[in-house]
Amino acid sequence: MPDSLEGRRKRGKVKKVMKEYSAGMLHSGSKRGPMVTDRKQAVAIAMSEAGMSKKKRGKHRGRR
């Protein structure tokens, strides 16, 4: 099954951010913000930038 273009782009963005973290160049917030030292924080930033951190919700259920 071929990968979707969107999925490849998201993985590429995550890869780019994690490379920045490995090189010690990843900042939290803006480029002047503090450096990221925690791997879990780097993963959270990568997922957020790639748009993968949004929770998928089911249909809204009304009151019964």
PDB file of N, CA and C in Angstrom:
ATOM      1  N   MET A   1       0.843  -1.177   0.000  1.00  0.00           N
ATOM      2  CA  MET A   1       0.000   0.000   0.000  1.00  0.00           C
ATOM      3  C   MET A   1       0.890   1.242   0.000  1.00  0.00           C
ATOM      4  N   PRO A   2       0.737   2.130  -0.965  1.00  0.00           N
ATOM      5  CA  PRO A   2       1.588   3.316  -1.041  1.00  0.00           C
ATOM      6  C   PRO A   2       1.259   4.322   0.057  1.00  0.00           C
ATOM      7  N   ASP A   3       2.288   5.015   0.529  1.00  0.00           N
ATOM      8  CA  ASP A   3       2.096   6.046   1.541  1.00  0.00           C
ATOM      9  C   ASP A   3       1.425   7.254   0.922  1.00  0.00           C
ATOM     10  N   SER A   4       0.645   7.950   1.707  1.00  0.00           N
ATOM     11  CA  SER A   4       0.029   9.167   1.197  1.00  0.00           C
ATOM     12  C   SER A   4       1.067  10.285   1.224  1.00  0.00           C
ATOM     13  N   LEU A   5       0.871  11.257   0.385  1.00  0.00           N
ATOM     14  CA  LEU A   5       1.786  12.393   0.325  1.00  0.00           C
ATOM     15  C   LEU A   5       1.784  13.147   1.647  1.00  0.00           C
ATOM     16  N   GLU A   6       0.615  13.276   2.250  1.00  0.00           N
ATOM     17  CA  GLU A   6       0.507  13.984   3.525  1.00  0.00           C
ATOM     18  C   GLU A   6       1.309  13.268   4.615  1.00  0.00           C
ATOM     19  N   GLY A   7       1.217  11.935   4.659  1.00  0.00           N
ATOM     20  CA  GLY A   7       1.947  11.163   5.654  1.00  0.00           C
ATOM     21  C   GLY A   7       3.452  11.298   5.489  1.00  0.00           C
ATOM     22  N   ARG A   8       3.907  11.323   4.238  1.00  0.00           N
ATOM     23  CA  ARG A   8       5.344  11.487   3.988  1.00  0.00           C
ATOM     24  C   ARG A   8       5.821  12.861   4.437  1.00  0.00           C
ATOM     25  N   ARG A   9       5.004  13.878   4.193  1.00  0.00           N
ATOM     26  CA  ARG A   9       5.378  15.233   4.606  1.00  0.00           C
ATOM     27  C   ARG A   9       5.464  15.341   6.121  1.00  0.00           C
ATOM     28  N   LYS A  10       4.520  14.724   6.808  1.00  0.00           N
ATOM     29  CA  LYS A  10       4.517  14.767   8.271  1.00  0.00           C
ATOM     30  C   LYS A  10       5.743  14.063   8.830  1.00  0.00           C
ATOM     31  N   ARG A  11       6.062  12.884   8.279  1.00  0.00           N
ATOM     32  CA  ARG A  11       7.247  12.159   8.753  1.00  0.00           C
ATOM     33  C   ARG A  11       8.514  12.957   8.482  1.00  0.00           C
ATOM     34  N   GLY A  12       8.554  13.627   7.337  1.00  0.00           N
ATOM     35  CA  GLY A  12       9.714  14.446   7.004  1.00  0.00           C
ATOM     36  C   GLY A  12       9.899  15.589   7.978  1.00  0.00           C
ATOM     37  N   LYS A  13       8.792  16.206   8.399  1.00  0.00           N
ATOM     38  CA  LYS A  13       8.861  17.314   9.352  1.00  0.00           C
ATOM     39  C   LYS A  13       9.346  16.815  10.707  1.00  0.00           C
ATOM     40  N   VAL A  14       8.838  15.663  11.136  1.00  0.00           N
ATOM     41  CA  VAL A  14       9.272  15.083  12.411  1.00  0.00           C
ATOM     42  C   VAL A  14      10.765  14.768  12.349  1.00  0.00           C
ATOM     43  N   LYS A  15      11.204  14.200  11.234  1.00  0.00           N
ATOM     44  CA  LYS A  15      12.618  13.856  11.064  1.00  0.00           C
ATOM     45  C   LYS A  15      13.495  15.106  11.142  1.00  0.00           C
ATOM     46  N   LYS A  16      13.054  16.186  10.501  1.00  0.00           N
ATOM     47  CA  LYS A  16      13.818  17.435  10.496  1.00  0.00           C
ATOM     48  C   LYS A  16      13.958  18.002  11.911  1.00  0.00           C
ATOM     49  N   VAL A  17      12.857  18.015  12.656  1.00  0.00           N
ATOM     50  CA  VAL A  17      12.883  18.562  14.017  1.00  0.00           C
ATOM     51  C   VAL A  17      13.762  17.704  14.923  1.00  0.00           C
ATOM     52  N   MET A  18      13.682  16.386  14.789  1.00  0.00           N
ATOM     53  CA  MET A  18      14.501  15.516  15.635  1.00  0.00           C
ATOM     54  C   MET A  18      15.983  15.641  15.294  1.00  0.00           C
ATOM     55  N   LYS A  19      16.305  15.926  14.025  1.00  0.00           N
ATOM     56  CA  LYS A  19      17.706  16.166  13.660  1.00  0.00           C
ATOM     57  C   LYS A  19      18.197  17.451  14.309  1.00  0.00           C
ATOM     58  N   GLU A  20      17.330  18.476  14.349  1.00  0.00           N
ATOM     59  CA  GLU A  20      17.686  19.726  15.026  1.00  0.00           C
ATOM     60  C   GLU A  20      17.974  19.456  16.499  1.00  0.00           C
ATOM     61  N   TYR A  21      17.135  18.618  17.127  1.00  0.00           N
ATOM     62  CA  TYR A  21      17.338  18.285  18.537  1.00  0.00           C
ATOM     63  C   TYR A  21      18.667  17.555  18.731  1.00  0.00           C
ATOM     64  N   SER A  22      18.951  16.586  17.865  1.00  0.00           N
ATOM     65  CA  SER A  22      20.196  15.817  17.973  1.00  0.00           C
ATOM     66  C   SER A  22      21.419  16.703  17.823  1.00  0.00           C
ATOM     67  N   ALA A  23      21.305  17.724  16.964  1.00  0.00           N
ATOM     68  CA  ALA A  23      22.423  18.635  16.742  1.00  0.00           C
ATOM     69  C   ALA A  23      22.513  19.700  17.834  1.00  0.00           C
ATOM     70  N   GLY A  24      21.527  19.730  18.732  1.00  0.00           N
ATOM     71  CA  GLY A  24      21.533  20.727  19.799  1.00  0.00           C
ATOM     72  C   GLY A  24      21.093  22.099  19.326  1.00  0.00           C
ATOM     73  N   MET A  25      20.298  22.142  18.253  1.00  0.00           N
ATOM     74  CA  MET A  25      19.879  23.415  17.678  1.00  0.00           C
ATOM     75  C   MET A  25      18.383  23.683  17.848  1.00  0.00           C
ATOM     76  N   LEU A  26      17.660  22.840  18.581  1.00  0.00           N
ATOM     77  CA  LEU A  26      16.211  22.987  18.707  1.00  0.00           C
ATOM     78  C   LEU A  26      15.872  23.888  19.887  1.00  0.00           C
ATOM     79  N   HIS A  27      15.108  24.930  19.597  1.00  0.00           N
ATOM     80  CA  HIS A  27      14.668  25.870  20.625  1.00  0.00           C
ATOM     81  C   HIS A  27      13.195  25.632  20.915  1.00  0.00           C
ATOM     82  N   SER A  28      12.797  25.878  22.157  1.00  0.00           N
ATOM     83  CA  SER A  28      11.369  25.834  22.471  1.00  0.00           C
ATOM     84  C   SER A  28      10.821  27.233  22.246  1.00  0.00           C
ATOM     85  N   GLY A  29       9.740  27.319  21.529  1.00  0.00           N
ATOM     86  CA  GLY A  29       9.185  28.632  21.194  1.00  0.00           C
ATOM     87  C   GLY A  29       9.911  29.215  20.004  1.00  0.00           C
ATOM     88  N   SER A  30      10.343  30.466  20.128  1.00  0.00           N
ATOM     89  CA  SER A  30      11.014  31.137  19.019  1.00  0.00           C
ATOM     90  C   SER A  30      12.492  30.747  18.969  1.00  0.00           C
ATOM     91  N   LYS A  31      13.194  31.260  17.974  1.00  0.00           N
ATOM     92  CA  LYS A  31      14.622  30.956  17.833  1.00  0.00           C
ATOM     93  C   LYS A  31      15.445  31.550  18.971  1.00  0.00           C
ATOM     94  N   ARG A  32      14.882  32.495  19.686  1.00  0.00           N
ATOM     95  CA  ARG A  32      15.588  33.071  20.837  1.00  0.00           C
ATOM     96  C   ARG A  32      15.205  32.385  22.140  1.00  0.00           C
ATOM     97  N   GLY A  33      14.280  31.445  22.063  1.00  0.00           N
ATOM     98  CA  GLY A  33      13.824  30.748  23.263  1.00  0.00           C
ATOM     99  C   GLY A  33      14.887  29.798  23.794  1.00  0.00           C
ATOM    100  N   PRO A  34      14.623  29.215  24.949  1.00  0.00           N
ATOM    101  CA  PRO A  34      15.606  28.294  25.537  1.00  0.00           C
ATOM    102  C   PRO A  34      15.773  27.023  24.709  1.00  0.00           C
ATOM    103  N   MET A  35      16.939  26.420  24.820  1.00  0.00           N
ATOM    104  CA  MET A  35      17.231  25.191  24.085  1.00  0.00           C
ATOM    105  C   MET A  35      16.452  24.027  24.703  1.00  0.00           C
ATOM    106  N   VAL A  36      16.045  23.105  23.859  1.00  0.00           N
ATOM    107  CA  VAL A  36      15.331  21.913  24.317  1.00  0.00           C
ATOM    108  C   VAL A  36      16.370  20.888  24.750  1.00  0.00           C
ATOM    109  N   THR A  37      16.236  20.390  25.988  1.00  0.00           N
ATOM    110  CA  THR A  37      17.193  19.407  26.494  1.00  0.00           C
ATOM    111  C   THR A  37      16.545  18.042  26.729  1.00  0.00           C
ATOM    112  N   ASP A  38      15.223  17.995  26.758  1.00  0.00           N
ATOM    113  CA  ASP A  38      14.505  16.757  27.028  1.00  0.00           C
ATOM    114  C   ASP A  38      13.998  16.146  25.723  1.00  0.00           C
ATOM    115  N   ARG A  39      14.271  14.866  25.512  1.00  0.00           N
ATOM    116  CA  ARG A  39      13.860  14.202  24.268  1.00  0.00           C
ATOM    117  C   ARG A  39      12.342  14.169  24.117  1.00  0.00           C
ATOM    118  N   LYS A  40      11.628  13.969  25.231  1.00  0.00           N
ATOM    119  CA  LYS A  40      10.168  13.930  25.168  1.00  0.00           C
ATOM    120  C   LYS A  40       9.605  15.274  24.713  1.00  0.00           C
ATOM    121  N   GLN A  41      10.234  16.363  25.151  1.00  0.00           N
ATOM    122  CA  GLN A  41       9.794  17.682  24.722  1.00  0.00           C
ATOM    123  C   GLN A  41      10.055  17.855  23.226  1.00  0.00           C
ATOM    124  N   ALA A  42      11.187  17.337  22.746  1.00  0.00           N
ATOM    125  CA  ALA A  42      11.509  17.429  21.321  1.00  0.00           C
ATOM    126  C   ALA A  42      10.486  16.659  20.488  1.00  0.00           C
ATOM    127  N   VAL A  43      10.073  15.494  20.964  1.00  0.00           N
ATOM    128  CA  VAL A  43       9.069  14.702  20.253  1.00  0.00           C
ATOM    129  C   VAL A  43       7.742  15.457  20.229  1.00  0.00           C
ATOM    130  N   ALA A  44       7.384  16.085  21.346  1.00  0.00           N
ATOM    131  CA  ALA A  44       6.133  16.842  21.408  1.00  0.00           C
ATOM    132  C   ALA A  44       6.150  18.008  20.431  1.00  0.00           C
ATOM    133  N   ILE A  45       7.271  18.696  20.323  1.00  0.00           N
ATOM    134  CA  ILE A  45       7.400  19.810  19.384  1.00  0.00           C
ATOM    135  C   ILE A  45       7.296  19.294  17.954  1.00  0.00           C
ATOM    136  N   ALA A  46       7.957  18.184  17.669  1.00  0.00           N
ATOM    137  CA  ALA A  46       7.932  17.611  16.321  1.00  0.00           C
ATOM    138  C   ALA A  46       6.517  17.213  15.918  1.00  0.00           C
ATOM    139  N   MET A  47       5.802  16.544  16.812  1.00  0.00           N
ATOM    140  CA  MET A  47       4.436  16.125  16.512  1.00  0.00           C
ATOM    141  C   MET A  47       3.524  17.332  16.320  1.00  0.00           C
ATOM    142  N   SER A  48       3.732  18.362  17.125  1.00  0.00           N
ATOM    143  CA  SER A  48       2.918  19.569  17.017  1.00  0.00           C
ATOM    144  C   SER A  48       3.149  20.275  15.685  1.00  0.00           C
ATOM    145  N   GLU A  49       4.406  20.423  15.300  1.00  0.00           N
ATOM    146  CA  GLU A  49       4.726  21.104  14.046  1.00  0.00           C
ATOM    147  C   GLU A  49       4.235  20.317  12.833  1.00  0.00           C
ATOM    148  N   ALA A  50       4.220  18.999  12.943  1.00  0.00           N
ATOM    149  CA  ALA A  50       3.768  18.170  11.828  1.00  0.00           C
ATOM    150  C   ALA A  50       2.248  18.060  11.776  1.00  0.00           C
ATOM    151  N   GLY A  51       1.576  18.565  12.809  1.00  0.00           N
ATOM    152  CA  GLY A  51       0.118  18.489  12.837  1.00  0.00           C
ATOM    153  C   GLY A  51      -0.385  17.122  13.215  1.00  0.00           C
ATOM    154  N   MET A  52       0.416  16.366  13.932  1.00  0.00           N
ATOM    155  CA  MET A  52       0.034  15.009  14.310  1.00  0.00           C
ATOM    156  C   MET A  52      -0.455  14.927  15.754  1.00  0.00           C
ATOM    157  N   SER A  53      -0.447  16.045  16.468  1.00  0.00           N
ATOM    158  CA  SER A  53      -0.802  16.000  17.876  1.00  0.00           C
ATOM    159  C   SER A  53      -2.275  16.270  18.122  1.00  0.00           C
ATOM    160  N   LYS A  54      -3.015  16.550  17.065  1.00  0.00           N
ATOM    161  CA  LYS A  54      -4.437  16.832  17.230  1.00  0.00           C
ATOM    162  C   LYS A  54      -5.183  15.531  17.485  1.00  0.00           C
ATOM    163  N   LYS A  55      -5.973  15.527  18.538  1.00  0.00           N
ATOM    164  CA  LYS A  55      -6.734  14.328  18.869  1.00  0.00           C
ATOM    165  C   LYS A  55      -7.909  14.196  17.918  1.00  0.00           C
ATOM    166  N   LYS A  56      -8.165  12.972  17.502  1.00  0.00           N
ATOM    167  CA  LYS A  56      -9.318  12.721  16.652  1.00  0.00           C
ATOM    168  C   LYS A  56     -10.493  12.371  17.556  1.00  0.00           C
ATOM    169  N   ARG A  57     -11.586  13.067  17.358  1.00  0.00           N
ATOM    170  CA  ARG A  57     -12.753  12.859  18.196  1.00  0.00           C
ATOM    171  C   ARG A  57     -13.872  12.246  17.378  1.00  0.00           C
ATOM    172  N   GLY A  58     -14.709  11.505  18.072  1.00  0.00           N
ATOM    173  CA  GLY A  58     -15.889  10.953  17.433  1.00  0.00           C
ATOM    174  C   GLY A  58     -16.944  12.031  17.263  1.00  0.00           C
ATOM    175  N   LYS A  59     -18.095  11.638  16.791  1.00  0.00           N
ATOM    176  CA  LYS A  59     -19.182  12.598  16.628  1.00  0.00           C
ATOM    177  C   LYS A  59     -19.629  13.097  17.997  1.00  0.00           C
ATOM    178  N   HIS A  60     -20.000  14.362  18.051  1.00  0.00           N
ATOM    179  CA  HIS A  60     -20.477  14.955  19.296  1.00  0.00           C
ATOM    180  C   HIS A  60     -21.826  14.345  19.658  1.00  0.00           C
ATOM    181  N   ARG A  61     -21.932  13.902  20.858  1.00  0.00           N
ATOM    182  CA  ARG A  61     -23.191  13.309  21.298  1.00  0.00           C
ATOM    183  C   ARG A  61     -23.962  14.340  22.123  1.00  0.00           C
ATOM    184  N   GLY A  62     -25.204  14.526  21.776  1.00  0.00           N
ATOM    185  CA  GLY A  62     -26.052  15.449  22.520  1.00  0.00           C
ATOM    186  C   GLY A  62     -26.564  14.803  23.793  1.00  0.00           C
ATOM    187  N   ARG A  63     -27.226  15.604  24.604  1.00  0.00           N
ATOM    188  CA  ARG A  63     -27.810  15.064  25.838  1.00  0.00           C
ATOM    189  C   ARG A  63     -28.984  14.163  25.502  1.00  0.00           C
ATOM    190  N   ARG A  64     -29.177  13.191  26.333  1.00  0.00           N
ATOM    191  CA  ARG A  64     -30.300  12.273  26.105  1.00  0.00           C
ATOM    192  C   ARG A  64     -31.397  12.531  27.092  1.00  0.00           C
TER     193      ARG A  64
END
